[in-house]
Amino acid sequence: QAKTRGFRSRAAFKLMELDDRFHLLGRGKRVIDLGAAPGGWSQVALEHGATVVGIDLLPVDPLPGATFLQGDFADADMPAKLTTLIGGKADVVLSDMAPNTTGHTATDHVRILALAELALDWFQTHLKPR
């Protein structure tokens, strides 16, 4: 269905369900997409009229209306770059990130927790208060 509707990933439907329930997206919202590749969530945000800036370690194919950076959101200079590109603090920060897995359950668990903790800190610092 994602291919039929022109979405870059099936994850687009996950975001549409979240938006139907919580009304996260909308015209004029500033959205930062952490871990943006391949861009399915950015597509959904754009369809809802949001301004979108995304970042990923992997390259993301251009998407009209969105700005994508290739890099690590945790780099010291990245928050300032993203905030400048989006025009201030974000209204919504999306993240569908996952660390690379090793196959070793304990190691993978620690990596997931570390990424979640880093993302949570980032959200608290760079998300506009409601």
N, C-alpha and C. Protein backbone atom coordinates (compact mmCIF):
# COMPACT_ATOMS: atom_id res chain seq x y z
N GLN A 1 0.83 -1.19 0.00
CA GLN A 1 0.00 0.00 0.00
C GLN A 1 0.87 1.26 0.00
N ALA A 2 2.05 1.22 0.67
CA ALA A 2 2.93 2.39 0.68
C ALA A 2 3.37 2.73 -0.74
N LYS A 3 3.73 1.74 -1.52
CA LYS A 3 4.15 1.99 -2.90
C LYS A 3 2.99 2.55 -3.72
N THR A 4 1.82 1.97 -3.55
CA THR A 4 0.64 2.42 -4.29
C THR A 4 0.34 3.88 -4.00
N ARG A 5 0.48 4.29 -2.76
CA ARG A 5 0.16 5.67 -2.36
C ARG A 5 1.35 6.62 -2.51
N GLY A 6 2.51 6.09 -2.94
CA GLY A 6 3.67 6.93 -3.19
C GLY A 6 4.50 7.27 -1.98
N PHE A 7 4.34 6.53 -0.89
CA PHE A 7 5.14 6.78 0.30
C PHE A 7 6.47 6.04 0.21
N ARG A 8 7.48 6.61 0.82
CA ARG A 8 8.81 6.03 0.81
C ARG A 8 8.95 4.85 1.76
N SER A 9 8.03 4.73 2.70
CA SER A 9 8.11 3.63 3.67
C SER A 9 6.73 3.32 4.24
N ARG A 10 6.62 2.11 4.77
CA ARG A 10 5.37 1.72 5.44
C ARG A 10 5.19 2.49 6.75
N ALA A 11 6.29 3.01 7.29
CA ALA A 11 6.22 3.76 8.54
C ALA A 11 5.34 5.00 8.41
N ALA A 12 5.11 5.46 7.20
CA ALA A 12 4.23 6.62 7.00
C ALA A 12 2.85 6.36 7.61
N PHE A 13 2.38 5.13 7.50
CA PHE A 13 1.06 4.79 8.05
C PHE A 13 1.06 4.85 9.58
N LYS A 14 2.20 4.51 10.18
CA LYS A 14 2.33 4.60 11.64
C LYS A 14 2.15 6.06 12.09
N LEU A 15 2.79 6.99 11.38
CA LEU A 15 2.67 8.40 11.73
C LEU A 15 1.25 8.90 11.46
N MET A 16 0.63 8.46 10.39
CA MET A 16 -0.74 8.89 10.11
C MET A 16 -1.68 8.44 11.23
N GLU A 17 -1.50 7.23 11.74
CA GLU A 17 -2.31 6.74 12.85
C GLU A 17 -2.09 7.60 14.11
N LEU A 18 -0.81 7.91 14.38
CA LEU A 18 -0.51 8.75 15.55
C LEU A 18 -1.13 10.14 15.40
N ASP A 19 -1.06 10.69 14.19
CA ASP A 19 -1.63 12.01 13.97
C ASP A 19 -3.15 11.99 14.08
N ASP A 20 -3.79 10.94 13.58
CA ASP A 20 -5.24 10.83 13.71
C ASP A 20 -5.65 10.84 15.17
N ARG A 21 -4.85 10.21 16.01
CA ARG A 21 -5.19 10.09 17.43
C ARG A 21 -4.82 11.34 18.24
N PHE A 22 -3.62 11.90 17.95
CA PHE A 22 -3.09 12.97 18.81
C PHE A 22 -3.01 14.34 18.13
N HIS A 23 -3.32 14.43 16.84
CA HIS A 23 -3.31 15.70 16.11
C HIS A 23 -1.99 16.44 16.28
N LEU A 24 -0.92 15.78 15.92
CA LEU A 24 0.43 16.32 16.07
C LEU A 24 0.82 17.29 14.96
N LEU A 25 0.35 17.00 13.77
CA LEU A 25 0.80 17.72 12.58
C LEU A 25 -0.25 18.73 12.14
N GLY A 26 0.20 19.70 11.35
CA GLY A 26 -0.75 20.67 10.81
C GLY A 26 -0.03 21.79 10.10
N ARG A 27 -0.80 22.57 9.39
CA ARG A 27 -0.27 23.70 8.62
C ARG A 27 0.49 24.65 9.54
N GLY A 28 1.70 24.99 9.11
CA GLY A 28 2.51 25.93 9.87
C GLY A 28 3.34 25.33 10.99
N LYS A 29 3.15 24.06 11.28
CA LYS A 29 3.96 23.41 12.33
C LYS A 29 5.38 23.25 11.82
N ARG A 30 6.33 23.41 12.74
CA ARG A 30 7.74 23.18 12.43
C ARG A 30 8.11 21.80 12.95
N VAL A 31 8.53 20.92 12.03
CA VAL A 31 8.78 19.52 12.35
C VAL A 31 10.24 19.17 12.07
N ILE A 32 10.90 18.58 13.06
CA ILE A 32 12.23 18.02 12.87
C ILE A 32 12.09 16.50 12.90
N ASP A 33 12.63 15.86 11.88
CA ASP A 33 12.56 14.40 11.74
C ASP A 33 13.95 13.83 11.99
N LEU A 34 14.15 13.28 13.19
CA LEU A 34 15.43 12.65 13.54
C LEU A 34 15.43 11.22 13.04
N GLY A 35 16.48 10.84 12.31
CA GLY A 35 16.51 9.51 11.71
C GLY A 35 15.56 9.47 10.53
N ALA A 36 15.64 10.47 9.66
CA ALA A 36 14.65 10.71 8.62
C ALA A 36 14.61 9.69 7.49
N ALA A 37 15.71 9.00 7.21
CA ALA A 37 15.73 8.08 6.06
C ALA A 37 14.71 6.97 6.25
N PRO A 38 13.99 6.63 5.23
CA PRO A 38 14.05 7.10 3.84
C PRO A 38 13.19 8.33 3.54
N GLY A 39 12.44 8.83 4.53
CA GLY A 39 11.68 10.06 4.33
C GLY A 39 10.17 9.91 4.39
N GLY A 40 9.68 8.75 4.74
CA GLY A 40 8.23 8.52 4.80
C GLY A 40 7.52 9.42 5.80
N TRP A 41 8.11 9.60 6.98
CA TRP A 41 7.49 10.47 7.98
C TRP A 41 7.52 11.92 7.54
N SER A 42 8.59 12.31 6.88
CA SER A 42 8.68 13.68 6.37
C SER A 42 7.61 13.93 5.32
N GLN A 43 7.34 12.93 4.48
CA GLN A 43 6.27 13.06 3.48
C GLN A 43 4.92 13.33 4.14
N VAL A 44 4.61 12.59 5.18
CA VAL A 44 3.34 12.75 5.88
C VAL A 44 3.26 14.15 6.49
N ALA A 45 4.33 14.59 7.12
CA ALA A 45 4.35 15.93 7.74
C ALA A 45 4.13 17.02 6.68
N LEU A 46 4.78 16.87 5.53
CA LEU A 46 4.62 17.83 4.45
C LEU A 46 3.18 17.84 3.94
N GLU A 47 2.57 16.67 3.82
CA GLU A 47 1.18 16.59 3.35
C GLU A 47 0.23 17.31 4.30
N HIS A 48 0.62 17.42 5.56
CA HIS A 48 -0.21 18.11 6.55
C HIS A 48 0.13 19.60 6.63
N GLY A 49 1.00 20.08 5.75
CA GLY A 49 1.32 21.50 5.69
C GLY A 49 2.44 21.96 6.60
N ALA A 50 3.21 21.03 7.15
CA ALA A 50 4.30 21.38 8.06
C ALA A 50 5.56 21.79 7.29
N THR A 51 6.41 22.54 7.96
CA THR A 51 7.77 22.80 7.49
C THR A 51 8.63 21.69 8.08
N VAL A 52 9.43 21.04 7.25
CA VAL A 52 10.16 19.85 7.69
C VAL A 52 11.66 19.99 7.46
N VAL A 53 12.41 19.68 8.53
CA VAL A 53 13.86 19.53 8.44
C VAL A 53 14.17 18.16 9.02
N GLY A 54 14.91 17.35 8.26
CA GLY A 54 15.25 16.01 8.71
C GLY A 54 16.75 15.80 8.74
N ILE A 55 17.15 14.83 9.54
CA ILE A 55 18.57 14.47 9.64
C ILE A 55 18.67 12.96 9.78
N ASP A 56 19.70 12.42 9.16
CA ASP A 56 19.96 10.99 9.28
C ASP A 56 21.44 10.75 9.01
N LEU A 57 21.93 9.64 9.56
CA LEU A 57 23.30 9.22 9.25
C LEU A 57 23.42 8.82 7.79
N LEU A 58 22.31 8.32 7.25
CA LEU A 58 22.27 7.90 5.85
C LEU A 58 21.79 9.06 4.98
N PRO A 59 22.17 9.05 3.71
CA PRO A 59 21.63 10.09 2.82
C PRO A 59 20.13 9.88 2.61
N VAL A 60 19.40 10.97 2.46
CA VAL A 60 17.96 10.93 2.19
C VAL A 60 17.74 11.60 0.85
N ASP A 61 17.04 10.91 -0.05
CA ASP A 61 16.74 11.50 -1.35
C ASP A 61 15.93 12.77 -1.15
N PRO A 62 16.20 13.79 -1.96
CA PRO A 62 15.48 15.06 -1.83
C PRO A 62 13.97 14.86 -1.89
N LEU A 63 13.26 15.72 -1.17
CA LEU A 63 11.81 15.70 -1.13
C LEU A 63 11.37 17.16 -1.20
N PRO A 64 10.64 17.54 -2.24
CA PRO A 64 10.24 18.94 -2.39
C PRO A 64 9.55 19.46 -1.12
N GLY A 65 10.07 20.55 -0.61
CA GLY A 65 9.50 21.17 0.58
C GLY A 65 10.21 20.81 1.87
N ALA A 66 11.08 19.82 1.84
CA ALA A 66 11.81 19.41 3.05
C ALA A 66 13.30 19.69 2.86
N THR A 67 13.97 19.89 3.98
CA THR A 67 15.42 20.06 3.98
C THR A 67 16.00 18.89 4.76
N PHE A 68 16.96 18.18 4.16
CA PHE A 68 17.59 17.05 4.82
C PHE A 68 19.08 17.27 4.98
N LEU A 69 19.58 16.91 6.16
CA LEU A 69 21.01 16.94 6.43
C LEU A 69 21.48 15.50 6.66
N GLN A 70 22.69 15.23 6.22
CA GLN A 70 23.29 13.94 6.54
C GLN A 70 24.26 14.18 7.68
N GLY A 71 24.03 13.51 8.80
CA GLY A 71 24.89 13.68 9.96
C GLY A 71 24.26 13.06 11.19
N ASP A 72 24.89 13.32 12.33
CA ASP A 72 24.45 12.76 13.61
C ASP A 72 23.77 13.86 14.41
N PHE A 73 22.52 13.63 14.80
CA PHE A 73 21.78 14.65 15.54
C PHE A 73 22.45 14.98 16.87
N ALA A 74 23.31 14.08 17.37
CA ALA A 74 23.96 14.28 18.66
C ALA A 74 25.24 15.10 18.56
N ASP A 75 25.69 15.43 17.35
CA ASP A 75 26.87 16.27 17.20
C ASP A 75 26.62 17.63 17.85
N ALA A 76 27.64 18.19 18.44
CA ALA A 76 27.51 19.43 19.21
C ALA A 76 26.92 20.58 18.40
N ASP A 77 27.24 20.68 17.12
CA ASP A 77 26.76 21.81 16.31
C ASP A 77 25.41 21.56 15.65
N MET A 78 24.91 20.34 15.72
CA MET A 78 23.70 19.99 14.99
C MET A 78 22.43 20.67 15.53
N PRO A 79 22.22 20.77 16.83
CA PRO A 79 21.00 21.44 17.30
C PRO A 79 20.87 22.86 16.76
N ALA A 80 21.95 23.61 16.74
CA ALA A 80 21.90 24.99 16.23
C ALA A 80 21.58 25.00 14.74
N LYS A 81 22.16 24.08 13.98
CA LYS A 81 21.88 24.00 12.54
C LYS A 81 20.40 23.70 12.30
N LEU A 82 19.89 22.70 13.01
CA LEU A 82 18.49 22.31 12.81
C LEU A 82 17.54 23.43 13.23
N THR A 83 17.83 24.08 14.35
CA THR A 83 16.98 25.16 14.83
C THR A 83 16.98 26.33 13.85
N THR A 84 18.13 26.63 13.29
CA THR A 84 18.22 27.70 12.30
C THR A 84 17.43 27.34 11.05
N LEU A 85 17.61 26.12 10.55
CA LEU A 85 16.91 25.69 9.34
C LEU A 85 15.39 25.66 9.51
N ILE A 86 14.92 25.31 10.69
CA ILE A 86 13.48 25.20 10.92
C ILE A 86 12.88 26.54 11.32
N GLY A 87 13.73 27.50 11.69
CA GLY A 87 13.24 28.84 12.03
C GLY A 87 12.84 29.01 13.48
N GLY A 88 13.48 28.27 14.38
CA GLY A 88 13.18 28.35 15.81
C GLY A 88 13.02 26.97 16.39
N LYS A 89 12.51 26.90 17.61
CA LYS A 89 12.28 25.59 18.22
C LYS A 89 11.17 24.88 17.46
N ALA A 90 11.28 23.56 17.42
CA ALA A 90 10.30 22.75 16.71
C ALA A 90 9.00 22.62 17.49
N ASP A 91 7.90 22.54 16.74
CA ASP A 91 6.61 22.21 17.35
C ASP A 91 6.50 20.70 17.57
N VAL A 92 7.13 19.95 16.67
CA VAL A 92 7.08 18.49 16.72
C VAL A 92 8.47 17.96 16.38
N VAL A 93 8.94 17.01 17.18
CA VAL A 93 10.17 16.29 16.85
C VAL A 93 9.78 14.83 16.68
N LEU A 94 10.00 14.34 15.47
CA LEU A 94 9.70 12.94 15.16
C LEU A 94 10.98 12.14 15.24
N SER A 95 10.86 10.89 15.66
CA SER A 95 12.03 10.02 15.66
C SER A 95 11.58 8.57 15.52
N ASP A 96 12.09 7.94 14.50
CA ASP A 96 11.88 6.51 14.30
C ASP A 96 13.25 5.84 14.25
N MET A 97 14.17 6.37 15.05
CA MET A 97 15.56 5.88 15.02
C MET A 97 15.69 4.55 15.76
N ALA A 98 16.69 3.81 15.32
CA ALA A 98 17.09 2.59 16.02
C ALA A 98 18.58 2.42 15.79
N PRO A 99 19.29 1.99 16.81
CA PRO A 99 20.73 1.79 16.63
C PRO A 99 21.00 0.54 15.80
N ASN A 100 22.18 0.48 15.22
CA ASN A 100 22.58 -0.74 14.54
C ASN A 100 22.67 -1.85 15.58
N THR A 101 22.18 -3.01 15.23
CA THR A 101 22.20 -4.12 16.18
C THR A 101 23.40 -5.03 15.94
N THR A 102 23.80 -5.71 17.02
CA THR A 102 24.96 -6.60 16.95
C THR A 102 24.54 -8.06 16.98
N GLY A 103 23.31 -8.32 17.44
CA GLY A 103 22.88 -9.69 17.63
C GLY A 103 23.09 -10.16 19.06
N HIS A 104 23.83 -9.38 19.85
CA HIS A 104 24.05 -9.68 21.26
C HIS A 104 23.00 -8.92 22.05
N THR A 105 22.07 -9.63 22.63
CA THR A 105 20.90 -9.03 23.27
C THR A 105 21.25 -7.95 24.28
N ALA A 106 22.18 -8.23 25.17
CA ALA A 106 22.52 -7.26 26.23
C ALA A 106 23.12 -5.99 25.63
N THR A 107 24.01 -6.14 24.67
CA THR A 107 24.63 -4.99 24.02
C THR A 107 23.59 -4.18 23.26
N ASP A 108 22.74 -4.86 22.52
CA ASP A 108 21.70 -4.16 21.75
C ASP A 108 20.75 -3.41 22.67
N HIS A 109 20.41 -4.01 23.80
CA HIS A 109 19.52 -3.36 24.77
C HIS A 109 20.15 -2.05 25.29
N VAL A 110 21.42 -2.11 25.63
CA VAL A 110 22.13 -0.92 26.12
C VAL A 110 22.17 0.16 25.05
N ARG A 111 22.40 -0.23 23.81
CA ARG A 111 22.43 0.75 22.71
C ARG A 111 21.07 1.41 22.51
N ILE A 112 20.02 0.62 22.60
CA ILE A 112 18.67 1.17 22.44
C ILE A 112 18.37 2.16 23.56
N LEU A 113 18.70 1.79 24.80
CA LEU A 113 18.46 2.69 25.93
C LEU A 113 19.28 3.97 25.81
N ALA A 114 20.53 3.86 25.39
CA ALA A 114 21.38 5.04 25.24
C ALA A 114 20.82 5.99 24.18
N LEU A 115 20.37 5.44 23.07
CA LEU A 115 19.79 6.27 22.02
C LEU A 115 18.50 6.93 22.50
N ALA A 116 17.67 6.18 23.21
CA ALA A 116 16.42 6.73 23.73
C ALA A 116 16.69 7.86 24.72
N GLU A 117 17.68 7.67 25.58
CA GLU A 117 18.02 8.71 26.56
C GLU A 117 18.55 9.96 25.87
N LEU A 118 19.38 9.79 24.88
CA LEU A 118 19.92 10.92 24.12
C LEU A 118 18.80 11.66 23.40
N ALA A 119 17.89 10.91 22.78
CA ALA A 119 16.77 11.53 22.07
C ALA A 119 15.85 12.27 23.04
N LEU A 120 15.57 11.69 24.18
CA LEU A 120 14.71 12.34 25.17
C LEU A 120 15.31 13.66 25.63
N ASP A 121 16.61 13.67 25.89
CA ASP A 121 17.28 14.90 26.28
C ASP A 121 17.17 15.94 25.17
N TRP A 122 17.34 15.48 23.93
CA TRP A 122 17.25 16.37 22.78
C TRP A 122 15.85 16.96 22.68
N PHE A 123 14.82 16.12 22.85
CA PHE A 123 13.44 16.59 22.77
C PHE A 123 13.18 17.67 23.81
N GLN A 124 13.62 17.43 25.03
CA GLN A 124 13.35 18.36 26.12
C GLN A 124 14.03 19.71 25.90
N THR A 125 15.15 19.70 25.21
CA THR A 125 15.93 20.91 25.00
C THR A 125 15.48 21.69 23.76
N HIS A 126 15.04 21.00 22.71
CA HIS A 126 14.81 21.66 21.43
C HIS A 126 13.36 21.70 20.96
N LEU A 127 12.47 21.23 21.79
CA LEU A 127 11.05 21.24 21.44
C LEU A 127 10.37 22.43 22.09
N LYS A 128 9.60 23.16 21.31
CA LYS A 128 8.89 24.32 21.81
C LYS A 128 7.85 23.86 22.84
N PRO A 129 7.74 24.53 23.97
CA PRO A 129 6.73 24.15 24.96
C PRO A 129 5.32 24.32 24.40
N ARG A 130 4.41 23.47 24.82
CA ARG A 130 3.01 23.57 24.35
C ARG A 130 2.22 24.49 25.21
